[in-house]
Amino acid sequence: MTPQRKTILEVLHQDNAHPSADEVYALVRERLPNVSLGTIYRNLELLSGSGEIQKLEIGGTIKRYDWNPKKHYHIRCTRCGRVDDAPIAPLKQLENELYGATIYTIIGHTLEFVGLCPACSKQADSV
């Protein structure tokens, strides 16, 4: 566990906003000023590849990172891009229903909810 990797994990644990690589870079640089953006990208890929964190590729937006590697769903604000965890359990039944219905080998699924976050909803109501 390198100091850079340890700091990335700490930053992700403290930031529930599912930051992008650039946002992780800015937060890590506050603690490790000499870290490079390439180091951040490389370590995020290593950590997500090893299952220690989750890489989110949702809604055609930039990749975001989640400290929680367990399967769970997300909600994305269509106005500001904020991403939060959806407070429901994964739907294992959905995958089970597909097993006999397709020639694909099912290895998982992603589900994204979209809407307006509380701040954007408030702004929309006041307009």
N, C-alpha and C. Protein backbone atom coordinates (compact mmCIF):
# COMPACT_ATOMS: atom_id res chain seq x y z
N MET A 1 0.86 -1.18 0.00
CA MET A 1 0.00 0.00 0.00
C MET A 1 0.90 1.24 0.00
N THR A 2 0.92 1.91 -1.12
CA THR A 2 1.73 3.12 -1.24
C THR A 2 1.06 4.29 -0.51
N PRO A 3 1.83 5.32 -0.18
CA PRO A 3 1.23 6.50 0.46
C PRO A 3 0.15 7.15 -0.43
N GLN A 4 0.39 7.15 -1.74
CA GLN A 4 -0.59 7.72 -2.66
C GLN A 4 -1.90 6.93 -2.64
N ARG A 5 -1.79 5.61 -2.70
CA ARG A 5 -2.98 4.76 -2.70
C ARG A 5 -3.75 4.90 -1.39
N LYS A 6 -3.01 4.94 -0.29
CA LYS A 6 -3.63 5.09 1.02
C LYS A 6 -4.38 6.42 1.11
N THR A 7 -3.79 7.48 0.60
CA THR A 7 -4.41 8.80 0.63
C THR A 7 -5.64 8.84 -0.28
N ILE A 8 -5.58 8.20 -1.43
CA ILE A 8 -6.74 8.13 -2.33
C ILE A 8 -7.90 7.44 -1.61
N LEU A 9 -7.62 6.33 -0.96
CA LEU A 9 -8.68 5.62 -0.23
C LEU A 9 -9.26 6.48 0.89
N GLU A 10 -8.40 7.19 1.61
CA GLU A 10 -8.88 8.08 2.67
C GLU A 10 -9.76 9.18 2.12
N VAL A 11 -9.35 9.77 1.00
CA VAL A 11 -10.12 10.85 0.37
C VAL A 11 -11.49 10.32 -0.08
N LEU A 12 -11.52 9.13 -0.67
CA LEU A 12 -12.79 8.56 -1.13
C LEU A 12 -13.71 8.26 0.05
N HIS A 13 -13.15 7.78 1.15
CA HIS A 13 -13.96 7.49 2.34
C HIS A 13 -14.56 8.76 2.93
N GLN A 14 -13.85 9.87 2.80
CA GLN A 14 -14.33 11.13 3.38
C GLN A 14 -15.29 11.87 2.45
N ASP A 15 -15.27 11.55 1.17
CA ASP A 15 -16.08 12.28 0.19
C ASP A 15 -17.16 11.36 -0.36
N ASN A 16 -18.39 11.55 0.10
CA ASN A 16 -19.50 10.72 -0.35
C ASN A 16 -20.10 11.21 -1.66
N ALA A 17 -19.47 12.18 -2.30
CA ALA A 17 -20.01 12.77 -3.51
C ALA A 17 -19.63 12.00 -4.78
N HIS A 18 -18.95 10.88 -4.65
CA HIS A 18 -18.53 10.09 -5.80
C HIS A 18 -17.71 10.96 -6.76
N PRO A 19 -16.52 11.39 -6.32
CA PRO A 19 -15.72 12.33 -7.10
C PRO A 19 -15.15 11.74 -8.38
N SER A 20 -14.85 12.64 -9.32
CA SER A 20 -14.16 12.26 -10.56
C SER A 20 -12.66 12.13 -10.24
N ALA A 21 -11.89 11.63 -11.20
CA ALA A 21 -10.44 11.51 -11.00
C ALA A 21 -9.81 12.88 -10.76
N ASP A 22 -10.28 13.90 -11.48
CA ASP A 22 -9.74 15.24 -11.29
C ASP A 22 -10.04 15.78 -9.89
N GLU A 23 -11.23 15.48 -9.39
CA GLU A 23 -11.59 15.91 -8.03
C GLU A 23 -10.77 15.16 -6.99
N VAL A 24 -10.54 13.87 -7.21
CA VAL A 24 -9.68 13.09 -6.31
C VAL A 24 -8.28 13.68 -6.32
N TYR A 25 -7.79 14.00 -7.51
CA TYR A 25 -6.46 14.60 -7.67
C TYR A 25 -6.34 15.88 -6.83
N ALA A 26 -7.33 16.77 -6.93
CA ALA A 26 -7.28 18.03 -6.18
C ALA A 26 -7.27 17.77 -4.68
N LEU A 27 -8.06 16.81 -4.22
CA LEU A 27 -8.12 16.51 -2.79
C LEU A 27 -6.83 15.86 -2.29
N VAL A 28 -6.26 14.97 -3.09
CA VAL A 28 -5.02 14.29 -2.70
C VAL A 28 -3.86 15.29 -2.70
N ARG A 29 -3.87 16.21 -3.65
CA ARG A 29 -2.78 17.22 -3.72
C ARG A 29 -2.73 18.10 -2.49
N GLU A 30 -3.84 18.25 -1.79
CA GLU A 30 -3.82 19.03 -0.55
C GLU A 30 -2.94 18.35 0.50
N ARG A 31 -2.85 17.03 0.41
CA ARG A 31 -2.04 16.26 1.38
C ARG A 31 -0.68 15.88 0.81
N LEU A 32 -0.66 15.59 -0.48
CA LEU A 32 0.58 15.19 -1.16
C LEU A 32 0.80 16.11 -2.36
N PRO A 33 1.39 17.28 -2.15
CA PRO A 33 1.49 18.30 -3.21
C PRO A 33 2.24 17.85 -4.47
N ASN A 34 3.11 16.86 -4.36
CA ASN A 34 3.91 16.45 -5.52
C ASN A 34 3.30 15.31 -6.32
N VAL A 35 2.11 14.86 -5.96
CA VAL A 35 1.49 13.75 -6.66
C VAL A 35 1.07 14.20 -8.06
N SER A 36 1.19 13.30 -9.04
CA SER A 36 0.82 13.65 -10.41
C SER A 36 -0.57 13.12 -10.74
N LEU A 37 -1.19 13.72 -11.73
CA LEU A 37 -2.51 13.27 -12.17
C LEU A 37 -2.43 11.84 -12.71
N GLY A 38 -1.33 11.52 -13.38
CA GLY A 38 -1.13 10.16 -13.88
C GLY A 38 -1.11 9.14 -12.76
N THR A 39 -0.50 9.47 -11.65
CA THR A 39 -0.46 8.58 -10.49
C THR A 39 -1.87 8.35 -9.96
N ILE A 40 -2.67 9.41 -9.93
CA ILE A 40 -4.05 9.28 -9.46
C ILE A 40 -4.83 8.35 -10.38
N TYR A 41 -4.76 8.59 -11.68
CA TYR A 41 -5.48 7.74 -12.64
C TYR A 41 -5.04 6.28 -12.53
N ARG A 42 -3.74 6.06 -12.47
CA ARG A 42 -3.21 4.70 -12.38
C ARG A 42 -3.70 3.99 -11.12
N ASN A 43 -3.66 4.69 -10.00
CA ASN A 43 -4.07 4.08 -8.74
C ASN A 43 -5.58 3.87 -8.67
N LEU A 44 -6.37 4.78 -9.23
CA LEU A 44 -7.82 4.58 -9.27
C LEU A 44 -8.16 3.34 -10.10
N GLU A 45 -7.45 3.16 -11.20
CA GLU A 45 -7.68 1.96 -12.04
C GLU A 45 -7.27 0.69 -11.29
N LEU A 46 -6.14 0.75 -10.60
CA LEU A 46 -5.69 -0.42 -9.82
C LEU A 46 -6.67 -0.75 -8.70
N LEU A 47 -7.11 0.26 -7.99
CA LEU A 47 -8.03 0.05 -6.87
C LEU A 47 -9.39 -0.46 -7.35
N SER A 48 -9.88 0.06 -8.46
CA SER A 48 -11.17 -0.42 -8.98
C SER A 48 -11.00 -1.81 -9.60
N GLY A 49 -9.88 -2.06 -10.24
CA GLY A 49 -9.63 -3.38 -10.83
C GLY A 49 -9.50 -4.48 -9.78
N SER A 50 -9.00 -4.12 -8.61
CA SER A 50 -8.84 -5.11 -7.54
C SER A 50 -10.09 -5.23 -6.68
N GLY A 51 -11.10 -4.41 -6.97
CA GLY A 51 -12.35 -4.48 -6.23
C GLY A 51 -12.36 -3.74 -4.91
N GLU A 52 -11.35 -2.90 -4.67
CA GLU A 52 -11.30 -2.15 -3.41
C GLU A 52 -12.21 -0.92 -3.44
N ILE A 53 -12.44 -0.38 -4.63
CA ILE A 53 -13.36 0.73 -4.83
C ILE A 53 -14.21 0.41 -6.05
N GLN A 54 -15.19 1.24 -6.32
CA GLN A 54 -16.05 1.03 -7.48
C GLN A 54 -15.90 2.19 -8.45
N LYS A 55 -15.72 1.86 -9.73
CA LYS A 55 -15.67 2.88 -10.77
C LYS A 55 -17.07 3.00 -11.35
N LEU A 56 -17.61 4.21 -11.37
CA LEU A 56 -18.95 4.44 -11.89
C LEU A 56 -18.87 5.05 -13.28
N GLU A 57 -19.49 4.39 -14.23
CA GLU A 57 -19.57 4.92 -15.59
C GLU A 57 -21.05 5.02 -15.91
N ILE A 58 -21.66 6.09 -15.41
CA ILE A 58 -23.11 6.21 -15.49
C ILE A 58 -23.51 7.43 -16.30
N GLY A 59 -24.62 7.31 -16.97
CA GLY A 59 -25.23 8.44 -17.64
C GLY A 59 -24.36 9.14 -18.67
N GLY A 60 -23.36 8.47 -19.25
CA GLY A 60 -22.53 9.09 -20.25
C GLY A 60 -21.68 10.23 -19.71
N THR A 61 -21.59 10.32 -18.40
CA THR A 61 -20.79 11.39 -17.80
C THR A 61 -19.38 10.89 -17.55
N ILE A 62 -18.57 11.74 -16.97
CA ILE A 62 -17.21 11.35 -16.62
C ILE A 62 -17.24 10.22 -15.59
N LYS A 63 -16.19 9.45 -15.56
CA LYS A 63 -16.09 8.37 -14.57
C LYS A 63 -16.01 8.98 -13.18
N ARG A 64 -16.69 8.34 -12.26
CA ARG A 64 -16.65 8.74 -10.87
C ARG A 64 -16.24 7.54 -10.04
N TYR A 65 -15.84 7.78 -8.82
CA TYR A 65 -15.33 6.70 -7.98
C TYR A 65 -16.06 6.67 -6.64
N ASP A 66 -16.32 5.46 -6.19
CA ASP A 66 -17.09 5.23 -4.97
C ASP A 66 -16.25 4.35 -4.05
N TRP A 67 -16.11 4.76 -2.80
CA TRP A 67 -15.31 3.98 -1.84
C TRP A 67 -15.97 2.65 -1.53
N ASN A 68 -17.27 2.51 -1.75
CA ASN A 68 -17.99 1.28 -1.42
C ASN A 68 -18.01 0.34 -2.63
N PRO A 69 -17.25 -0.75 -2.59
CA PRO A 69 -17.18 -1.65 -3.75
C PRO A 69 -18.37 -2.61 -3.86
N LYS A 70 -19.22 -2.67 -2.82
CA LYS A 70 -20.35 -3.59 -2.86
C LYS A 70 -21.39 -3.10 -3.87
N LYS A 71 -22.10 -4.07 -4.48
CA LYS A 71 -23.09 -3.72 -5.47
C LYS A 71 -24.19 -2.87 -4.82
N HIS A 72 -24.41 -1.70 -5.40
CA HIS A 72 -25.50 -0.83 -4.98
C HIS A 72 -25.80 0.13 -6.13
N TYR A 73 -26.93 0.78 -6.04
CA TYR A 73 -27.39 1.66 -7.11
C TYR A 73 -27.14 3.12 -6.78
N HIS A 74 -27.26 3.95 -7.80
CA HIS A 74 -26.98 5.37 -7.65
C HIS A 74 -28.11 6.22 -8.25
N ILE A 75 -28.19 7.45 -7.76
CA ILE A 75 -29.13 8.45 -8.27
C ILE A 75 -28.28 9.62 -8.76
N ARG A 76 -28.56 10.09 -10.00
CA ARG A 76 -27.79 11.19 -10.58
C ARG A 76 -28.71 12.36 -10.88
N CYS A 77 -28.29 13.53 -10.47
CA CYS A 77 -29.04 14.75 -10.77
C CYS A 77 -28.77 15.13 -12.22
N THR A 78 -29.83 15.29 -12.99
CA THR A 78 -29.68 15.62 -14.41
C THR A 78 -29.29 17.08 -14.63
N ARG A 79 -29.41 17.89 -13.60
CA ARG A 79 -29.07 19.31 -13.74
C ARG A 79 -27.61 19.58 -13.36
N CYS A 80 -27.19 19.16 -12.15
CA CYS A 80 -25.84 19.50 -11.67
C CYS A 80 -24.85 18.34 -11.74
N GLY A 81 -25.35 17.12 -11.96
CA GLY A 81 -24.46 15.97 -12.07
C GLY A 81 -24.15 15.28 -10.76
N ARG A 82 -24.68 15.77 -9.66
CA ARG A 82 -24.44 15.16 -8.34
C ARG A 82 -24.87 13.68 -8.39
N VAL A 83 -24.09 12.83 -7.72
CA VAL A 83 -24.39 11.40 -7.66
C VAL A 83 -24.44 10.97 -6.20
N ASP A 84 -25.52 10.29 -5.82
CA ASP A 84 -25.69 9.77 -4.47
C ASP A 84 -26.03 8.29 -4.54
N ASP A 85 -25.85 7.60 -3.43
CA ASP A 85 -26.26 6.21 -3.34
C ASP A 85 -27.78 6.14 -3.25
N ALA A 86 -28.38 5.18 -3.97
CA ALA A 86 -29.82 4.96 -3.87
C ALA A 86 -30.07 4.05 -2.67
N PRO A 87 -31.03 4.40 -1.84
CA PRO A 87 -31.24 3.64 -0.59
C PRO A 87 -32.12 2.40 -0.76
N ILE A 88 -31.78 1.56 -1.75
CA ILE A 88 -32.50 0.30 -1.93
C ILE A 88 -31.49 -0.82 -2.14
N ALA A 89 -31.90 -2.03 -1.84
CA ALA A 89 -31.03 -3.20 -2.00
C ALA A 89 -30.96 -3.59 -3.48
N PRO A 90 -29.83 -4.18 -3.92
CA PRO A 90 -29.72 -4.64 -5.30
C PRO A 90 -30.80 -5.68 -5.64
N LEU A 91 -31.25 -5.64 -6.87
CA LEU A 91 -32.32 -6.52 -7.34
C LEU A 91 -31.75 -7.79 -7.96
N LYS A 92 -31.39 -8.75 -7.13
CA LYS A 92 -30.81 -10.02 -7.61
C LYS A 92 -31.80 -10.76 -8.50
N GLN A 93 -33.10 -10.62 -8.23
CA GLN A 93 -34.13 -11.31 -9.01
C GLN A 93 -34.05 -10.94 -10.49
N LEU A 94 -33.67 -9.71 -10.78
CA LEU A 94 -33.55 -9.25 -12.16
C LEU A 94 -32.53 -10.09 -12.93
N GLU A 95 -31.38 -10.32 -12.33
CA GLU A 95 -30.36 -11.15 -12.97
C GLU A 95 -30.84 -12.59 -13.09
N ASN A 96 -31.48 -13.11 -12.06
CA ASN A 96 -31.97 -14.49 -12.07
C ASN A 96 -32.97 -14.72 -13.20
N GLU A 97 -33.83 -13.75 -13.47
CA GLU A 97 -34.82 -13.89 -14.53
C GLU A 97 -34.17 -13.96 -15.90
N LEU A 98 -33.02 -13.36 -16.06
CA LEU A 98 -32.33 -13.35 -17.35
C LEU A 98 -31.58 -14.65 -17.63
N TYR A 99 -31.22 -15.41 -16.60
CA TYR A 99 -30.35 -16.58 -16.79
C TYR A 99 -30.84 -17.55 -17.85
N GLY A 100 -32.09 -17.90 -17.88
CA GLY A 100 -32.58 -18.83 -18.89
C GLY A 100 -33.10 -18.16 -20.14
N ALA A 101 -33.21 -16.85 -20.12
CA ALA A 101 -33.84 -16.13 -21.21
C ALA A 101 -32.86 -15.57 -22.25
N THR A 102 -31.57 -15.75 -22.05
CA THR A 102 -30.59 -15.20 -22.97
C THR A 102 -29.41 -16.15 -23.12
N ILE A 103 -28.68 -15.98 -24.20
CA ILE A 103 -27.47 -16.79 -24.39
C ILE A 103 -26.25 -16.13 -23.74
N TYR A 104 -26.44 -14.93 -23.22
CA TYR A 104 -25.36 -14.24 -22.53
C TYR A 104 -25.09 -14.89 -21.17
N THR A 105 -23.85 -14.82 -20.74
CA THR A 105 -23.51 -15.19 -19.37
C THR A 105 -23.60 -13.91 -18.56
N ILE A 106 -24.55 -13.85 -17.66
CA ILE A 106 -24.79 -12.64 -16.88
C ILE A 106 -23.75 -12.55 -15.77
N ILE A 107 -23.03 -11.43 -15.72
CA ILE A 107 -22.02 -11.23 -14.67
C ILE A 107 -22.39 -10.09 -13.74
N GLY A 108 -23.49 -9.42 -14.02
CA GLY A 108 -23.93 -8.32 -13.16
C GLY A 108 -24.78 -7.35 -13.95
N HIS A 109 -25.21 -6.30 -13.27
CA HIS A 109 -25.97 -5.26 -13.94
C HIS A 109 -25.77 -3.93 -13.21
N THR A 110 -26.07 -2.86 -13.92
CA THR A 110 -26.05 -1.54 -13.32
C THR A 110 -27.42 -0.92 -13.51
N LEU A 111 -27.79 -0.12 -12.57
CA LEU A 111 -29.07 0.56 -12.62
C LEU A 111 -28.85 1.97 -12.10
N GLU A 112 -29.28 2.95 -12.87
CA GLU A 112 -29.10 4.34 -12.48
C GLU A 112 -30.46 5.02 -12.47
N PHE A 113 -30.74 5.72 -11.39
CA PHE A 113 -31.93 6.54 -11.30
C PHE A 113 -31.52 7.96 -11.63
N VAL A 114 -32.38 8.71 -12.26
CA VAL A 114 -32.08 10.12 -12.57
C VAL A 114 -33.20 10.99 -12.03
N GLY A 115 -32.86 12.20 -11.69
CA GLY A 115 -33.83 13.15 -11.16
C GLY A 115 -33.13 14.44 -10.82
N LEU A 116 -33.72 15.20 -9.96
CA LEU A 116 -33.12 16.44 -9.49
C LEU A 116 -32.76 16.30 -8.02
N CYS A 117 -31.55 16.69 -7.67
CA CYS A 117 -31.11 16.66 -6.27
C CYS A 117 -31.91 17.70 -5.49
N PRO A 118 -31.88 17.65 -4.17
CA PRO A 118 -32.65 18.62 -3.37
C PRO A 118 -32.35 20.09 -3.73
N ALA A 119 -31.08 20.41 -3.93
CA ALA A 119 -30.73 21.82 -4.25
C ALA A 119 -31.30 22.23 -5.60
N CYS A 120 -31.19 21.36 -6.60
CA CYS A 120 -31.71 21.70 -7.93
C CYS A 120 -33.24 21.72 -7.93
N SER A 121 -33.86 20.84 -7.16
CA SER A 121 -35.32 20.85 -7.05
C SER A 121 -35.80 22.16 -6.46
N LYS A 122 -35.09 22.63 -5.45
CA LYS A 122 -35.45 23.90 -4.80
C LYS A 122 -35.32 25.07 -5.78
N GLN A 123 -34.23 25.03 -6.58
CA GLN A 123 -34.03 26.09 -7.58
C GLN A 123 -35.13 26.04 -8.63
N ALA A 124 -35.50 24.84 -9.07
CA ALA A 124 -36.54 24.69 -10.10
C ALA A 124 -37.88 25.18 -9.58
N ASP A 125 -38.16 24.94 -8.30
CA ASP A 125 -39.43 25.38 -7.70
C ASP A 125 -39.50 26.89 -7.55
N SER A 126 -38.34 27.53 -7.39
CA SER A 126 -38.34 28.98 -7.16
C SER A 126 -38.34 29.77 -8.46
N VAL A 127 -38.24 29.10 -9.59
CA VAL A 127 -38.21 29.81 -10.89
C VAL A 127 -39.59 30.03 -11.41
